[in-house]
């Protein structure tokens, strides 16, 4: 009996190659649910999407590297990452910290004349999720979705200061967080510096990322005392030095961060749990 030729229409409808990989990757992302399935393991995802575990594992590795998912250190399972923000603008409106921060960012820019921004941590980088740009023609600003992954960035240091030393070491050794010349915790001042940042409740970037940029970042805590974001004021370094406004900028950022903390039910930085 002769073989039946495949239906050309059916073959055309079924995605092939790169298109199939893309759709499979989207299926993996869609397996997560904020309410019912926030954390999933490889086997669970495999059963939900109908793909082999090895295929799902490879996809998760790529999605993790891109920041679209992140691995939970305690359980080894996965959750959606904040890299999704760069693809899905509507996700921003669901971030309570963003809604709480916006009016205070506007006030901060009005009072300082400089750019105010809110960033959140995606496991390996600080991501800008809201910004109010300086009215000055010469200013420092970044588009929403911009990622900062250099240790020199004040926002990155604020988040790193909250992590266990072993996780900071892993991020630096892997290059996920960039710091030239890092060789390990034994002979590197990184960890003492992060202790200082944590104790001070702020981090300053005085020309460390680019010569002409000055930035100061302060963490935002929620009702659990957990750092859920940080507020940063960025300005041209020459303007800050000319005005001698370093202390004023830091004080203004602290006030803004405290106001956002209050809206989230959190404690002021000075009263945050050790």
Protein backbone atom coordinates (compact mmCIF):
# COMPACT_ATOMS: atom_id res chain seq x y z
CA UNK A 1 0.00 0.00 0.00
CA UNK A 2 1.57 3.33 -1.02
CA UNK A 3 2.46 5.81 1.70
CA UNK A 4 0.13 8.72 2.11
CA UNK A 5 1.86 11.97 1.26
CA UNK A 6 1.91 14.51 4.07
CA UNK A 7 -0.69 17.22 3.86
CA UNK A 8 1.18 20.36 2.67
CA UNK A 9 -1.27 22.58 4.51
CA UNK A 10 -0.67 20.78 7.83
CA UNK A 11 3.09 20.93 7.39
CA UNK A 12 2.90 24.63 6.65
CA UNK A 13 0.83 25.29 9.78
CA UNK A 14 3.27 23.57 12.12
CA UNK A 15 6.16 25.87 13.14
CA UNK A 16 9.60 24.61 12.26
CA UNK A 17 13.16 25.41 13.28
CA UNK A 18 13.72 28.75 14.98
CA UNK A 19 10.00 29.54 15.02
CA UNK A 20 9.29 26.30 16.90
CA UNK A 21 12.06 27.06 19.43
CA UNK A 22 10.66 30.55 19.98
CA UNK A 23 7.13 29.26 20.54
CA UNK A 24 8.40 26.54 22.87
CA UNK A 25 10.29 29.17 24.85
CA UNK A 26 7.14 31.27 25.14
CA UNK A 27 5.25 28.19 26.30
CA UNK A 28 7.79 27.73 29.07
CA UNK A 29 7.30 31.36 30.19
CA UNK A 30 3.52 31.01 30.02
CA UNK A 31 3.67 27.98 32.32
CA UNK A 32 4.28 30.35 35.24
CA UNK A 33 1.43 32.01 37.10
CA UNK A 34 1.82 34.73 39.72
CA UNK A 35 -0.97 33.27 41.82
CA UNK A 36 -0.96 29.50 41.32
CA UNK A 37 2.47 28.60 39.86
CA UNK A 38 5.05 31.25 40.81
CA UNK A 39 7.77 28.63 41.31
CA UNK A 40 8.21 25.66 38.99
CA UNK A 41 10.76 22.90 38.57
CA UNK A 42 11.97 21.38 35.32
CA UNK A 43 9.71 18.33 35.64
CA UNK A 44 6.63 20.44 36.39
CA UNK A 45 7.26 22.69 33.38
CA UNK A 46 7.89 19.65 31.20
CA UNK A 47 4.49 18.22 32.14
CA UNK A 48 2.68 21.53 31.62
CA UNK A 49 4.11 22.33 28.18
CA UNK A 50 4.53 18.78 26.88
CA UNK A 51 8.26 19.01 26.16
CA UNK A 52 11.05 16.65 27.21
CA UNK A 53 12.83 17.59 30.43
CA UNK A 54 16.17 17.97 28.67
CA UNK A 55 14.62 20.44 26.23
CA UNK A 56 13.02 22.42 29.04
CA UNK A 57 16.31 22.43 30.97
CA UNK A 58 18.19 23.87 27.96
CA UNK A 59 15.53 26.53 27.46
CA UNK A 60 15.60 27.51 31.13
CA UNK A 61 19.38 27.89 30.95
CA UNK A 62 19.06 30.32 28.05
CA UNK A 63 16.12 32.18 29.61
CA UNK A 64 18.04 32.49 32.90
CA UNK A 65 21.07 33.93 31.12
CA UNK A 66 18.82 36.47 29.41
CA UNK A 67 17.16 37.40 32.70
CA UNK A 68 13.67 36.22 31.72
CA UNK A 69 13.62 33.59 34.47
CA UNK A 70 15.67 33.25 37.63
CA UNK A 71 16.49 30.29 39.82
CA UNK A 72 15.42 30.23 43.45
CA UNK A 73 18.55 29.55 45.50
CA UNK A 74 16.69 27.69 48.26
CA UNK A 75 14.51 25.33 46.23
CA UNK A 76 16.35 25.16 42.90
CA UNK A 77 13.08 25.88 41.10
CA UNK A 78 12.45 28.76 38.72
CA UNK A 79 10.37 31.94 38.70
CA UNK A 80 9.82 34.68 36.12
CA UNK A 81 12.65 37.21 36.09
CA UNK A 82 12.50 40.97 35.88
CA UNK A 83 14.08 40.78 32.44
CA UNK A 84 10.48 40.35 31.31
CA UNK A 85 10.05 44.06 31.99
CA UNK A 86 12.05 44.87 28.90
CA UNK A 87 9.55 42.92 26.81
CA UNK A 88 6.30 43.56 28.63
CA UNK A 89 5.64 47.19 29.48
CA UNK A 90 2.29 46.37 31.14
CA UNK A 91 4.17 44.38 33.78
CA UNK A 92 5.48 47.69 35.13
CA UNK A 93 2.02 48.76 36.21
CA UNK A 94 1.80 45.67 38.41
CA UNK A 95 4.86 46.58 40.45
CA UNK A 96 3.57 48.08 43.70
CA UNK A 97 6.93 49.68 44.40
CA UNK A 98 6.82 51.49 41.04
CA UNK A 99 3.35 52.89 41.69
CA UNK A 100 4.36 53.91 45.20
CA UNK A 101 7.59 55.55 44.04
CA UNK A 102 6.49 57.62 41.04
CA UNK A 103 5.09 60.68 42.87
CA UNK A 104 8.14 60.77 45.13
CA UNK A 105 10.49 60.53 42.16
CA UNK A 106 8.69 63.52 40.66
CA UNK A 107 9.12 65.45 43.92
CA UNK A 108 12.78 64.41 44.12
CA UNK A 109 13.53 65.69 40.63
CA UNK A 110 11.65 68.91 41.36
CA UNK A 111 13.58 69.54 44.59
CA UNK A 112 17.05 68.60 43.29
CA UNK A 113 16.77 69.47 39.60
CA UNK A 114 18.39 66.12 38.79
CA UNK A 115 17.23 62.79 37.34
CA UNK A 116 15.51 60.46 39.82
CA UNK A 117 15.03 56.77 39.09
CA UNK A 118 13.76 53.58 40.66
CA UNK A 119 15.56 50.28 40.04
CA UNK A 120 14.77 46.71 41.06
CA UNK A 121 17.05 43.65 41.22
CA UNK A 122 16.65 40.73 38.82
CA UNK A 123 19.21 38.46 40.45
CA UNK A 124 22.23 39.73 38.57
CA UNK A 125 21.55 43.36 37.63
CA UNK A 126 19.71 46.50 38.68
CA UNK A 127 16.93 47.31 36.21
CA UNK A 128 15.44 50.78 35.83
CA UNK A 129 11.65 50.51 36.07
CA UNK A 130 10.76 54.19 36.50
CA UNK A 131 12.47 57.50 35.90
CA UNK A 132 11.81 61.22 36.03
CA UNK A 133 14.40 63.06 33.94
CA UNK A 134 16.16 66.25 34.99
CA UNK A 135 14.85 69.44 33.35
CA UNK A 136 18.44 70.50 32.62
CA UNK A 137 19.73 70.21 29.07
CA UNK A 138 22.87 68.50 30.39
CA UNK A 139 21.80 65.53 32.49
CA UNK A 140 22.24 61.83 33.14
CA UNK A 141 19.31 59.55 32.36
CA UNK A 142 18.50 56.00 31.26
CA UNK A 143 15.55 54.46 29.49
CA UNK A 144 13.19 52.17 31.37
CA UNK A 145 14.49 48.62 31.11
CA UNK A 146 18.16 49.67 31.26
CA UNK A 147 20.26 47.13 33.17
CA UNK A 148 23.21 48.01 35.37
CA UNK A 149 25.60 45.15 36.12
CA UNK A 150 28.81 46.94 37.13
CA UNK A 151 29.94 46.83 40.75
CA UNK A 152 30.80 50.53 40.47
CA UNK A 153 27.12 51.41 39.96
CA UNK A 154 25.61 52.75 43.19
CA UNK A 155 22.33 50.91 42.61
CA UNK A 156 24.13 47.58 42.07
CA UNK A 157 26.05 48.00 45.33
CA UNK A 158 22.86 48.74 47.28
CA UNK A 159 21.40 45.41 46.16
CA UNK A 160 24.64 43.43 46.57
CA UNK A 161 24.91 44.68 50.16
CA UNK A 162 21.74 42.70 50.95
CA UNK A 163 23.00 39.40 49.54
CA UNK A 164 24.98 36.65 51.29
CA UNK A 165 28.72 36.91 50.72
CA UNK A 166 28.68 33.57 48.88
CA UNK A 167 26.16 34.89 46.35
CA UNK A 168 28.14 38.11 45.84
CA UNK A 169 31.27 36.01 45.27
CA UNK A 170 29.42 33.85 42.73
CA UNK A 171 28.14 36.87 40.80
CA UNK A 172 31.59 38.47 40.69
CA UNK A 173 33.46 35.29 39.78
CA UNK A 174 31.01 34.48 36.97
CA UNK A 175 31.21 38.01 35.57
CA UNK A 176 27.45 38.49 35.97
CA UNK A 177 28.41 41.56 38.00
CA UNK A 178 31.44 43.24 36.47
CA UNK A 179 34.40 44.22 38.61
CA UNK A 180 37.86 44.30 37.11
CA UNK A 181 40.51 42.35 38.95
CA UNK A 182 38.25 40.46 41.36
CA UNK A 183 40.08 37.37 42.64
CA UNK A 184 37.97 36.22 45.59
CA UNK A 185 36.87 37.25 49.06
CA UNK A 186 40.20 36.55 50.74
CA UNK A 187 42.12 39.54 49.38
CA UNK A 188 39.46 41.85 48.00
CA UNK A 189 37.93 44.92 49.72
CA UNK A 190 34.54 44.28 48.09
CA UNK A 191 32.93 42.77 51.16
CA UNK A 192 34.10 45.40 53.62
CA UNK A 193 32.84 48.04 51.22
CA UNK A 194 29.42 46.34 51.03
CA UNK A 195 29.33 46.23 54.84
CA UNK A 196 29.83 50.00 54.81
CA UNK A 197 27.07 50.45 52.23
CA UNK A 198 24.69 48.34 54.30
CA UNK A 199 25.53 50.21 57.51
CA UNK A 200 25.31 53.63 55.86
CA UNK A 201 22.09 52.81 54.01
CA UNK A 202 23.39 54.37 50.80
CA UNK A 203 25.95 53.96 48.02
CA UNK A 204 27.68 56.69 46.04
CA UNK A 205 29.07 56.57 42.52
CA UNK A 206 31.46 59.50 42.24
CA UNK A 207 32.78 59.13 38.70
CA UNK A 208 33.35 55.38 39.07
CA UNK A 209 31.24 54.19 36.12
CA UNK A 210 31.91 57.18 33.88
CA UNK A 211 34.09 60.13 34.83
CA UNK A 212 31.30 62.68 34.41
CA UNK A 213 28.56 60.88 36.37
CA UNK A 214 27.61 61.28 40.01
CA UNK A 215 24.94 59.08 41.57
CA UNK A 216 23.63 58.28 45.02
CA UNK A 217 21.33 55.33 45.75
CA UNK A 218 19.25 54.42 48.80
CA UNK A 219 17.35 51.15 49.32
CA UNK A 220 13.56 50.91 49.55
CA UNK A 221 12.19 48.31 51.99
CA UNK A 222 8.71 46.85 52.16
CA UNK A 223 6.67 45.78 55.20
CA UNK A 224 8.86 42.68 55.60
CA UNK A 225 12.02 44.76 55.82
CA UNK A 226 13.07 43.34 52.47
CA UNK A 227 14.81 45.59 49.94
CA UNK A 228 12.44 45.70 46.96
CA UNK A 229 14.06 48.53 45.04
CA UNK A 230 16.37 51.48 45.27
CA UNK A 231 16.02 55.15 44.46
CA UNK A 232 18.89 56.88 42.68
CA UNK A 233 19.60 60.49 41.82
CA UNK A 234 22.02 60.89 38.91
CA UNK A 235 23.68 64.14 37.89
CA UNK A 236 26.69 65.50 35.99
CA UNK A 237 29.60 65.27 38.39
CA UNK A 238 30.87 68.74 37.52
CA UNK A 239 27.52 70.30 38.51
CA UNK A 240 27.44 68.45 41.83
CA UNK A 241 31.02 69.46 42.63
CA UNK A 242 30.43 73.09 41.62
CA UNK A 243 27.40 73.35 43.88
CA UNK A 244 28.92 71.24 46.66
CA UNK A 245 25.56 69.49 46.82
CA UNK A 246 26.65 65.92 47.62
CA UNK A 247 25.19 65.95 51.14
CA UNK A 248 21.98 67.66 49.98
CA UNK A 249 21.43 65.06 47.24
CA UNK A 250 21.96 62.18 49.66
CA UNK A 251 19.52 63.70 52.16
CA UNK A 252 16.90 64.23 49.46
CA UNK A 253 17.19 60.62 48.23
CA UNK A 254 16.89 59.35 51.80
CA UNK A 255 13.68 61.32 52.30
CA UNK A 256 12.20 60.00 49.06
CA UNK A 257 13.14 56.41 49.90
CA UNK A 258 11.65 56.75 53.39
CA UNK A 259 8.40 58.06 51.91
CA UNK A 260 8.15 55.11 49.51
CA UNK A 261 8.97 52.69 52.35
CA UNK A 262 6.12 54.18 54.37
CA UNK A 263 3.67 53.69 51.48
CA UNK A 264 4.74 50.04 51.29
CA UNK A 265 4.30 49.57 55.03
CA UNK A 266 8.03 49.40 55.62
CA UNK A 267 10.23 50.84 58.32
CA UNK A 268 12.59 53.76 57.74
CA UNK A 269 16.13 52.65 56.90
CA UNK A 270 17.38 53.45 60.40
CA UNK A 271 14.77 51.11 61.91
CA UNK A 272 15.13 48.29 59.38
CA UNK A 273 15.87 44.84 60.82
CA UNK A 274 19.50 43.74 61.01
